[in-house]
Amino acid sequence: MVDRGRTQPSKRRTTTQPNKRRNTAIETEKSGPSSSSSCASKFLANITDDILLEILVRLPNCRLAIQCGLVCKRWHSLIYNSEYIQKFIQVRQNNLDYNSLLMPYTILFQRASYVSKESCYFDSQHRQLVSNESSSLHETQSSGYIDFLDGLFVKASSNELLLVSDQRMSNLYVCNPILRQRFRLSDPPPGAFGVNGYGLACQAKSCNAHLRGTNINVQYRYKVVLICGLNVTARIFCSETGNWRTLNIPSPWKFTIDFGCHPIASNSGVLYWLDGQRKFDGVVAFDPFKDTEDATEVCRFIKLPLGKRDSHYVDRLCFGSCLGRLRLSHLCKRNVFFDVKVWELGYDDDDGFPFWILVRKFSLKRENTNMMTVLAFHPNNEDVIFVLCDHQFCRYEIGKRKFEELGKWPNGMITDRYSSLVVSTYSLVHPSWAPTSIRALQSS
C-alpha cells in the first residue's frame, strides 16, 4: 500500500532540487568575477608590505612596475623605495638572458603626410603588430601606452624619449609615453623653415646612486636638432638652458632633402643620418653636445661600406641601432633569394677614426614572397631583424633561419610595392629602471 501523505513531499523534493541547483549555478556565474575581484582586493589589502614587496618585485619589467606604481599610494611608496629597486634589479641581473632578450621595447612605424598619418607599432610584450585594424589588441591594458600619442606626429626617438609635433608642425614636444609626460619646446629662431630632418639626442649628465652596477638616479640632458634648408643649417635646442642656437654647416655633400623612411638615428648622444637624395653615398655623424661654432668639430662624413656592385638606392638600406651600436643593412634580390649584408660602425681607440665591420652576411628565402624589406633591427638582440614580407610583418632569427609572423601590415600603410619606402621607423628601448622624466625647465 502506498502512503500518499509521505510520497507527496518526496515528489516535491525531486522536482525542486534541480531548479535550486540550476539557480545556484546561475548565481555563481554572475557573481564569479566580482567575487574573485573582491577576494583579490581583500588579499592585497590584508597582506603585509613585506609580502606585497616580494610580489611586486617579480613584475616582468620596469614599464609594468611604473604602471603599477600608479595604482595607489601604498604601491607607489613601495615601488619607488630603494629596497624595491635594489631587489627588482637583482632579480633581473641574476637572469643572464634578461638584458638581451627580455628588456621591453617598442618599434613604431609611421607613414605621414602634412595632413594625415597611418601608424602601427610592435610591442615586445605582446609579440604582435598593433594597428587600428587589430581592434582586439587595442582593448588590452598596454594599448594606452602608445595611444598617448594620438594626434601627434613622431619625428625622432632616443632611448625611451620621443620628439613629436602637432598636425600643423608648429609645436614641438619631447615626451615619455611610459610616464605620459610631455614638454613643449620654445619656438625655434626665425628662419627655421623647410625642416628636412629632426633629431633627438639624449645623454646622461650625472648619477648620484648606483645599485649592483645599475644607475638608478640619473640626471639626463637632451638636444633637439632641426636640419633646415638646402644650404644646410642646424637649429639646436638645449634642455639645460631652454634656448636654441644656429649652426651653419658648409658641406660639399648632397644632404638629404627628405629623410623619408630613414629618420635621423641617435646613438650614444650622436646623431646619424644617411647623406644623399635618391642615392646615398655616406653617413653624416653630428654631435650636438659639442658646444662650438666650428662645424667641422661637430659634423663628419663617413663613407658607406657598399661595393661597386651594391645598390646605393633608398629601398635597399636599413639604418638603426642594436645593443647601443649603429648598424646598416643592405638587401638585394637574387632570383628567389634576398641577399642581406649587415655592417656595424666602430671607432679606432687611438684617433677615433670611424670604420665599418661586416658582422652578418646571409640569404633570405620565403615561400610565395615577392617583396621583402628590412624594416628594423632588434634593439637588444643582434641575431634578430624585422622584415616586411609582402604584407606580413615578420621577425627573422638569423642563426636559426626562422621566420615568425607577427601580424599583417595595415592596408593604409602599403598601397603599392614601393609604399614601404616612405614608412619611418622609430625604436623605443625601455630601461631596466629609472625612465627618463621630462621636467619643465627652470627660468634660471
Protein backbone atom coordinates (compact mmCIF):
# COMPACT_ATOMS: atom_id res chain seq x y z
CA MET A 1 0.00 0.00 0.00
CA VAL A 2 1.32 3.41 -0.94
CA ASP A 3 1.33 6.09 1.73
CA ARG A 4 0.35 9.17 -0.32
CA GLY A 5 0.95 11.53 2.56
CA ARG A 6 4.63 10.57 2.58
CA THR A 7 5.25 10.32 -1.13
CA GLN A 8 3.95 13.75 -2.00
CA PRO A 9 6.68 15.65 -0.18
CA SER A 10 9.17 13.30 -1.76
CA LYS A 11 7.97 14.37 -5.21
CA ARG A 12 8.27 18.00 -4.27
CA ARG A 13 11.87 17.46 -3.25
CA THR A 14 12.76 15.73 -6.52
CA THR A 15 11.13 18.37 -8.65
CA THR A 16 12.51 21.42 -6.87
CA GLN A 17 16.09 20.24 -6.24
CA PRO A 18 17.34 20.56 -9.87
CA ASN A 19 15.89 24.07 -10.10
CA LYS A 20 17.67 25.03 -6.92
CA ARG A 21 20.98 23.73 -8.22
CA ARG A 22 20.47 25.46 -11.57
CA ASN A 23 19.65 28.77 -9.92
CA THR A 24 22.68 28.44 -7.69
CA ALA A 25 24.86 27.79 -10.71
CA ILE A 26 23.47 30.84 -12.49
CA GLU A 27 24.09 32.99 -9.44
CA THR A 28 27.65 31.67 -9.21
CA GLU A 29 28.29 32.54 -12.87
CA LYS A 30 27.00 36.05 -12.39
CA SER A 31 28.87 36.73 -9.20
CA GLY A 32 32.03 34.77 -10.02
CA PRO A 33 34.26 37.52 -11.50
CA SER A 34 33.21 40.17 -8.99
CA SER A 35 33.61 37.66 -6.16
CA SER A 36 37.13 36.82 -7.39
CA SER A 37 37.99 40.52 -7.65
CA SER A 38 36.66 41.07 -4.15
CA CYS A 39 38.77 38.22 -2.78
CA ALA A 40 41.86 39.56 -4.55
CA SER A 41 41.22 43.06 -3.19
CA LYS A 42 40.82 41.72 0.35
CA PHE A 43 44.01 39.67 -0.03
CA LEU A 44 46.08 42.63 -1.26
CA ALA A 45 44.61 44.88 1.45
CA ASN A 46 45.44 42.46 4.28
CA ILE A 47 48.91 41.22 3.33
CA THR A 48 51.94 42.85 4.85
CA ASP A 49 54.26 45.20 2.96
CA ASP A 50 57.00 42.54 3.00
CA ILE A 51 54.83 40.02 1.15
CA LEU A 52 53.49 42.63 -1.27
CA LEU A 53 57.07 43.71 -1.97
CA GLU A 54 58.02 40.13 -2.90
CA ILE A 55 55.06 40.01 -5.32
CA LEU A 56 55.78 43.34 -6.96
CA VAL A 57 59.50 42.69 -7.31
CA ARG A 58 58.68 39.82 -9.68
CA LEU A 59 56.93 42.02 -12.21
CA PRO A 60 58.42 41.25 -15.64
CA ASN A 61 59.83 44.70 -16.46
CA CYS A 62 60.24 48.32 -15.43
CA ARG A 63 57.40 49.55 -17.63
CA LEU A 64 54.83 47.43 -15.80
CA ALA A 65 56.36 48.36 -12.43
CA ILE A 66 55.96 52.07 -13.22
CA GLN A 67 52.35 51.47 -14.24
CA CYS A 68 51.66 49.55 -11.01
CA GLY A 69 53.12 52.45 -9.06
CA LEU A 70 50.09 54.48 -10.21
CA VAL A 71 47.55 52.07 -8.66
CA CYS A 72 47.55 53.60 -5.17
CA LYS A 73 49.74 55.48 -2.71
CA ARG A 74 50.80 52.27 -0.95
CA TRP A 75 52.05 50.65 -4.14
CA HIS A 76 53.74 53.89 -5.21
CA SER A 77 55.66 54.18 -1.93
CA LEU A 78 56.81 50.55 -2.16
CA ILE A 79 57.85 50.62 -5.82
CA TYR A 80 59.78 53.88 -5.56
CA ASN A 81 61.61 52.73 -2.43
CA SER A 82 65.34 51.96 -2.76
CA GLU A 83 64.82 48.48 -1.26
CA TYR A 84 62.36 47.58 -4.01
CA ILE A 85 64.57 48.99 -6.76
CA GLN A 86 67.57 47.02 -5.49
CA LYS A 87 65.63 43.74 -5.38
CA PHE A 88 64.00 44.45 -8.74
CA ILE A 89 67.40 44.94 -10.41
CA GLN A 90 68.90 41.95 -8.61
CA VAL A 91 66.21 39.57 -9.89
CA ARG A 92 66.92 40.65 -13.46
CA GLN A 93 70.68 40.61 -13.20
CA ASN A 94 70.53 37.04 -11.90
CA ASN A 95 68.83 36.18 -15.19
CA LEU A 96 71.68 36.31 -17.71
CA ASP A 97 69.32 36.46 -20.68
CA TYR A 98 67.29 39.40 -19.39
CA ASN A 99 69.30 42.29 -20.76
CA SER A 100 69.48 40.92 -24.30
CA LEU A 101 66.15 39.14 -24.64
CA LEU A 102 63.57 40.29 -22.09
CA MET A 103 64.14 44.03 -21.77
CA PRO A 104 60.94 45.53 -23.19
CA TYR A 105 60.98 47.67 -26.30
CA THR A 106 58.57 49.15 -28.82
CA ILE A 107 59.06 49.79 -32.53
CA LEU A 108 56.85 52.46 -34.08
CA PHE A 109 56.08 52.60 -37.80
CA GLN A 110 54.61 55.74 -39.33
CA ARG A 111 53.64 56.86 -42.80
CA ALA A 112 52.78 60.55 -42.60
CA SER A 113 51.94 63.48 -44.82
CA TYR A 114 51.26 67.07 -43.83
CA VAL A 115 47.59 66.34 -43.20
CA SER A 116 47.34 62.73 -42.06
CA LYS A 117 49.24 59.75 -40.82
CA GLU A 118 48.99 55.98 -40.77
CA SER A 119 50.81 54.18 -37.99
CA CYS A 120 51.24 50.89 -36.21
CA TYR A 121 53.62 49.52 -33.63
CA PHE A 122 55.20 46.32 -32.43
CA ASP A 123 55.16 45.80 -28.66
CA SER A 124 57.63 43.19 -27.41
CA GLN A 125 55.30 42.23 -24.55
CA HIS A 126 52.54 41.11 -26.93
CA ARG A 127 54.78 39.95 -29.80
CA GLN A 128 52.19 41.18 -32.28
CA LEU A 129 51.83 44.14 -34.60
CA VAL A 130 49.19 46.54 -33.27
CA SER A 131 47.24 48.86 -35.54
CA ASN A 132 43.79 50.38 -35.85
CA GLU A 133 42.76 47.29 -37.78
CA SER A 134 43.63 44.96 -34.87
CA SER A 135 40.92 46.33 -32.58
CA SER A 136 41.05 43.38 -30.19
CA LEU A 137 44.60 44.24 -29.22
CA HIS A 138 43.64 47.85 -28.58
CA GLU A 139 41.42 46.60 -25.78
CA THR A 140 44.42 45.37 -23.82
CA GLN A 141 45.80 47.34 -20.90
CA SER A 142 49.05 48.26 -22.61
CA SER A 143 47.40 49.85 -25.64
CA GLY A 144 47.06 53.10 -23.68
CA TYR A 145 50.84 53.32 -23.58
CA ILE A 146 51.01 54.27 -27.27
CA ASP A 147 47.53 55.79 -27.51
CA PHE A 148 49.06 58.70 -25.59
CA LEU A 149 50.44 59.79 -28.99
CA ASP A 150 47.06 60.11 -30.71
CA GLY A 151 47.00 63.20 -32.91
CA LEU A 152 50.77 63.68 -32.71
CA PHE A 153 53.36 63.03 -35.41
CA VAL A 154 56.54 61.24 -34.35
CA LYS A 155 59.70 62.96 -35.62
CA ALA A 156 62.59 61.29 -33.78
CA SER A 157 63.41 58.93 -30.90
CA SER A 158 66.23 58.45 -28.40
CA ASN A 159 66.24 55.79 -25.68
CA GLU A 160 62.62 55.86 -24.44
CA LEU A 161 62.00 59.50 -25.40
CA LEU A 162 60.18 60.79 -28.47
CA LEU A 163 60.21 64.07 -30.34
CA VAL A 164 56.70 64.75 -31.64
CA SER A 165 54.80 67.58 -33.31
CA ASP A 166 51.20 68.57 -33.75
CA GLN A 167 49.45 68.28 -37.10
CA ARG A 168 50.34 71.83 -38.13
CA MET A 169 54.05 71.15 -37.38
CA SER A 170 54.02 74.41 -35.39
CA ASN A 171 54.63 72.96 -31.92
CA LEU A 172 57.35 70.51 -30.91
CA TYR A 173 57.25 68.33 -27.80
CA VAL A 174 59.63 65.94 -26.08
CA CYS A 175 57.61 63.20 -24.42
CA ASN A 176 57.92 59.99 -22.46
CA PRO A 177 54.92 57.79 -23.32
CA ILE A 178 55.55 55.43 -20.37
CA LEU A 179 55.20 58.23 -17.84
CA ARG A 180 52.67 60.04 -20.05
CA GLN A 181 54.74 63.21 -19.81
CA ARG A 182 55.04 65.87 -22.48
CA PHE A 183 57.07 69.08 -22.55
CA ARG A 184 56.58 71.76 -25.20
CA LEU A 185 59.76 73.29 -26.60
CA SER A 186 60.10 77.02 -27.11
CA ASP A 187 59.74 78.25 -30.69
CA PRO A 188 62.88 77.87 -32.83
CA PRO A 189 64.62 81.02 -34.07
CA PRO A 190 63.26 82.82 -37.17
CA GLY A 191 64.22 81.23 -40.44
CA ALA A 192 63.74 77.65 -39.27
CA PHE A 193 61.58 76.84 -42.26
CA GLY A 194 61.83 73.95 -44.67
CA VAL A 195 62.89 71.47 -41.99
CA ASN A 196 64.20 68.35 -43.71
CA GLY A 197 65.12 66.29 -40.68
CA TYR A 198 64.51 66.08 -36.95
CA GLY A 199 66.92 64.65 -34.41
CA LEU A 200 66.75 63.90 -30.67
CA ALA A 201 69.87 63.00 -28.68
CA CYS A 202 69.79 62.02 -25.01
CA GLN A 203 72.84 61.84 -22.75
CA ALA A 204 73.39 61.02 -19.07
CA LYS A 205 74.52 64.15 -17.24
CA SER A 206 75.17 62.81 -13.75
CA CYS A 207 74.33 59.93 -11.43
CA ASN A 208 74.27 60.04 -7.66
CA ALA A 209 73.12 56.49 -6.89
CA HIS A 210 74.22 53.03 -8.03
CA LEU A 211 72.77 49.63 -7.21
CA ARG A 212 74.59 46.48 -8.33
CA GLY A 213 76.21 48.34 -11.21
CA THR A 214 72.96 49.94 -12.43
CA ASN A 215 72.32 53.68 -12.31
CA ILE A 216 69.02 54.36 -10.55
CA ASN A 217 69.08 58.13 -10.11
CA VAL A 218 70.40 59.50 -13.37
CA GLN A 219 70.03 63.10 -14.47
CA TYR A 220 69.70 63.39 -18.24
CA ARG A 221 70.07 66.19 -20.72
CA TYR A 222 68.90 66.20 -24.30
CA LYS A 223 69.35 68.14 -27.50
CA VAL A 224 66.81 68.60 -30.30
CA VAL A 225 68.22 69.27 -33.76
CA LEU A 226 66.37 70.62 -36.81
CA ILE A 227 68.15 70.24 -40.17
CA CYS A 228 66.92 73.10 -42.36
CA GLY A 229 67.21 74.17 -45.99
CA LEU A 230 69.36 73.20 -48.95
CA ASN A 231 72.17 75.39 -47.61
CA VAL A 232 72.27 73.29 -44.50
CA THR A 233 71.80 74.92 -41.11
CA ALA A 234 71.13 73.18 -37.82
CA ARG A 235 68.84 74.65 -35.16
CA ILE A 236 69.86 73.09 -31.82
CA PHE A 237 67.71 73.18 -28.67
CA CYS A 238 69.39 72.60 -25.28
CA SER A 239 67.36 71.17 -22.39
CA GLU A 240 69.68 72.73 -19.82
CA THR A 241 69.20 76.32 -20.98
CA GLY A 242 65.88 76.11 -22.82
CA ASN A 243 67.45 78.08 -25.69
CA TRP A 244 68.06 77.49 -29.37
CA ARG A 245 71.25 78.19 -31.30
CA THR A 246 72.01 78.10 -35.02
CA LEU A 247 74.96 76.33 -36.62
CA ASN A 248 75.82 76.69 -40.31
CA ILE A 249 77.16 73.52 -41.89
CA PRO A 250 79.18 74.17 -45.05
CA SER A 251 79.16 70.91 -46.95
CA PRO A 252 80.19 69.60 -50.35
CA TRP A 253 77.76 66.72 -49.95
CA LYS A 254 74.21 66.37 -51.22
CA PHE A 255 72.31 66.46 -47.96
CA THR A 256 69.08 64.52 -47.83
CA ILE A 257 66.14 66.67 -48.90
CA ASP A 258 63.54 64.33 -47.41
CA PHE A 259 64.61 61.82 -44.76
CA GLY A 260 61.56 59.68 -45.59
CA CYS A 261 61.94 56.12 -44.37
CA HIS A 262 65.36 56.81 -42.82
CA PRO A 263 64.85 59.17 -39.86
CA ILE A 264 67.86 60.59 -38.06
CA ALA A 265 69.24 57.89 -35.74
CA SER A 266 70.54 58.56 -32.23
CA ASN A 267 73.34 56.55 -30.68
CA SER A 268 75.36 57.43 -27.54
CA GLY A 269 74.48 61.12 -27.83
CA VAL A 270 75.50 61.39 -31.51
CA LEU A 271 73.04 61.81 -34.39
CA TYR A 272 73.49 59.94 -37.68
CA TRP A 273 71.73 60.32 -41.00
CA LEU A 274 72.20 58.95 -44.49
CA ASP A 275 73.62 61.54 -46.85
CA GLY A 276 72.19 61.84 -50.35
CA GLN A 277 68.93 62.20 -52.19
CA ARG A 278 67.79 59.25 -54.29
CA LYS A 279 71.10 57.52 -53.78
CA PHE A 280 73.14 57.50 -50.59
CA ASP A 281 76.89 57.97 -50.55
CA GLY A 282 77.63 58.07 -46.85
CA VAL A 283 76.57 58.79 -43.29
CA VAL A 284 76.79 62.13 -41.51
CA ALA A 285 77.72 61.97 -37.81
CA PHE A 286 76.58 65.03 -35.87
CA ASP A 287 77.45 65.62 -32.18
CA PRO A 288 75.05 68.26 -30.80
CA PHE A 289 76.70 68.21 -27.35
CA LYS A 290 79.90 69.81 -28.66
CA ASP A 291 79.49 73.46 -27.76
CA THR A 292 81.43 75.03 -30.62
CA GLU A 293 80.69 77.13 -33.68
CA ASP A 294 83.19 75.15 -35.74
CA ALA A 295 81.02 72.84 -37.84
CA THR A 296 83.97 70.58 -38.67
CA GLU A 297 84.21 69.69 -34.97
CA VAL A 298 80.52 68.86 -34.76
CA CYS A 299 79.91 67.17 -38.11
CA ARG A 300 81.85 64.49 -40.00
CA PHE A 301 81.21 62.40 -43.11
CA ILE A 302 81.57 58.59 -43.12
CA LYS A 303 81.54 56.73 -46.43
CA LEU A 304 79.24 53.76 -46.84
CA PRO A 305 80.86 50.31 -46.94
CA LEU A 306 78.99 49.32 -50.10
CA GLY A 307 80.89 47.93 -53.07
CA LYS A 308 80.54 48.94 -56.70
CA ARG A 309 78.01 46.19 -57.36
CA ASP A 310 75.86 47.13 -54.38
CA SER A 311 72.92 49.43 -54.95
CA HIS A 312 73.02 52.72 -53.07
CA TYR A 313 69.31 53.37 -53.54
CA VAL A 314 66.94 54.17 -50.70
CA ASP A 315 64.91 50.95 -50.85
CA ARG A 316 67.93 48.72 -50.30
CA LEU A 317 69.10 50.09 -46.95
CA CYS A 318 68.07 49.85 -43.31
CA PHE A 319 69.70 52.10 -40.73
CA GLY A 320 69.45 52.00 -36.91
CA SER A 321 70.86 50.89 -33.56
CA CYS A 322 71.35 47.48 -31.98
CA LEU A 323 72.78 47.00 -28.48
CA GLY A 324 73.93 50.61 -28.45
CA ARG A 325 75.85 50.29 -31.74
CA LEU A 326 74.99 51.77 -35.13
CA ARG A 327 74.10 49.25 -37.85
CA LEU A 328 73.50 49.40 -41.59
CA SER A 329 71.99 46.65 -43.73
CA HIS A 330 71.82 46.22 -47.49
CA LEU A 331 69.29 43.94 -49.22
CA CYS A 332 69.37 42.79 -52.84
CA LYS A 333 67.11 40.31 -54.62
CA ARG A 334 68.82 37.47 -56.47
CA ASN A 335 66.48 35.03 -58.23
CA VAL A 336 64.34 33.57 -55.43
CA PHE A 337 66.74 34.72 -52.69
CA PHE A 338 67.20 38.03 -50.91
CA ASP A 339 70.86 38.60 -50.03
CA VAL A 340 71.49 40.65 -46.88
CA LYS A 341 74.67 42.21 -45.53
CA VAL A 342 74.86 43.92 -42.11
CA TRP A 343 77.67 46.25 -41.05
CA GLU A 344 78.43 47.82 -37.68
CA LEU A 345 80.12 51.19 -37.16
CA GLY A 346 83.19 51.25 -34.95
CA TYR A 347 85.78 53.83 -33.95
CA ASP A 348 89.53 53.45 -33.60
CA ASP A 349 90.63 53.64 -29.97
CA ASP A 350 93.63 55.85 -30.75
CA ASP A 351 92.46 58.50 -33.18
CA GLY A 352 88.68 57.96 -33.15
CA PHE A 353 88.67 57.23 -36.88
CA PRO A 354 85.38 55.53 -37.93
CA PHE A 355 85.28 52.21 -39.79
CA TRP A 356 82.69 49.62 -40.82
CA ILE A 357 82.77 45.93 -39.79
CA LEU A 358 80.79 43.32 -41.74
CA VAL A 359 79.02 41.38 -38.96
CA ARG A 360 76.39 39.40 -40.91
CA LYS A 361 76.03 38.02 -44.43
CA PHE A 362 73.13 35.71 -45.22
CA SER A 363 70.32 34.94 -47.68
CA LEU A 364 66.58 35.03 -47.06
CA LYS A 365 64.04 32.83 -48.77
CA ARG A 366 60.33 32.55 -48.02
CA GLU A 367 57.69 30.71 -49.98
CA ASN A 368 55.29 32.82 -52.06
CA THR A 369 57.07 36.09 -51.18
CA ASN A 370 57.74 38.58 -53.97
CA MET A 371 58.79 41.65 -51.99
CA MET A 372 60.98 41.86 -48.91
CA THR A 373 62.30 44.85 -46.96
CA VAL A 374 64.39 45.02 -43.79
CA LEU A 375 62.39 47.43 -41.61
CA ALA A 376 64.31 47.48 -38.32
CA PHE A 377 66.96 45.87 -36.17
CA HIS A 378 66.09 44.26 -32.85
CA PRO A 379 67.36 46.84 -30.32
CA ASN A 380 68.59 44.20 -27.83
CA ASN A 381 69.36 41.09 -29.90
CA GLU A 382 71.94 41.21 -32.69
CA ASP A 383 70.71 37.93 -34.18
CA VAL A 384 67.20 39.24 -34.99
CA ILE A 385 65.85 41.62 -37.65
CA PHE A 386 62.29 42.68 -38.51
CA VAL A 387 61.26 42.17 -42.12
CA LEU A 388 58.28 43.09 -44.28
CA CYS A 389 57.39 40.10 -46.47
CA ASP A 390 54.77 41.35 -48.93
CA HIS A 391 52.05 42.34 -46.42
CA GLN A 392 53.29 40.21 -43.50
CA PHE A 393 55.33 41.71 -40.68
CA CYS A 394 57.87 39.08 -39.62
CA ARG A 395 60.61 38.53 -37.08
CA TYR A 396 63.62 36.72 -38.56
CA GLU A 397 66.17 34.89 -36.42
CA ILE A 398 69.37 34.79 -38.44
CA GLY A 399 71.14 31.91 -36.70
CA LYS A 400 68.11 29.58 -36.85
CA ARG A 401 66.96 30.84 -40.29
CA LYS A 402 63.48 31.11 -38.87
CA PHE A 403 60.62 33.45 -39.79
CA GLU A 404 57.92 34.28 -37.25
CA GLU A 405 54.78 36.05 -38.44
CA LEU A 406 53.83 38.85 -36.05
CA GLY A 407 50.87 40.35 -37.87
CA LYS A 408 49.54 41.69 -41.13
CA TRP A 409 50.79 45.08 -42.28
CA PRO A 410 47.89 47.60 -42.22
CA ASN A 411 46.33 48.28 -45.61
CA GLY A 412 46.73 52.03 -45.15
CA MET A 413 50.48 51.69 -44.81
CA ILE A 414 51.05 49.86 -48.09
CA THR A 415 49.25 50.86 -51.28
CA ASP A 416 51.80 49.53 -53.77
CA ARG A 417 55.12 47.71 -53.77
CA TYR A 418 57.06 50.93 -53.17
CA SER A 419 54.95 52.33 -50.31
CA SER A 420 57.26 50.86 -47.66
CA LEU A 421 59.88 53.35 -48.82
CA VAL A 422 58.02 56.17 -47.05
CA VAL A 423 57.42 54.32 -43.79
CA SER A 424 59.55 55.73 -40.97
CA THR A 425 60.75 53.51 -38.12
CA TYR A 426 61.38 54.61 -34.52
CA SER A 427 62.64 52.38 -31.70
CA LEU A 428 61.89 52.91 -28.01
CA VAL A 429 64.13 50.96 -25.64
CA HIS A 430 62.87 50.91 -22.07
CA PRO A 431 65.48 50.98 -19.28
CA SER A 432 65.91 48.37 -16.56
CA TRP A 433 64.95 51.13 -14.14
CA ALA A 434 64.53 54.91 -13.82
CA PRO A 435 62.76 56.02 -17.02
CA THR A 436 63.77 59.49 -18.16
CA SER A 437 61.48 62.10 -16.61
CA ILE A 438 60.64 65.18 -18.66
CA ARG A 439 60.52 68.20 -16.41
CA ALA A 440 59.69 71.77 -17.28
CA LEU A 441 62.89 73.82 -17.43
CA GLN A 442 63.53 76.45 -14.80
CA SER A 443 63.85 80.01 -15.99
CA SER A 444 67.13 80.24 -14.13
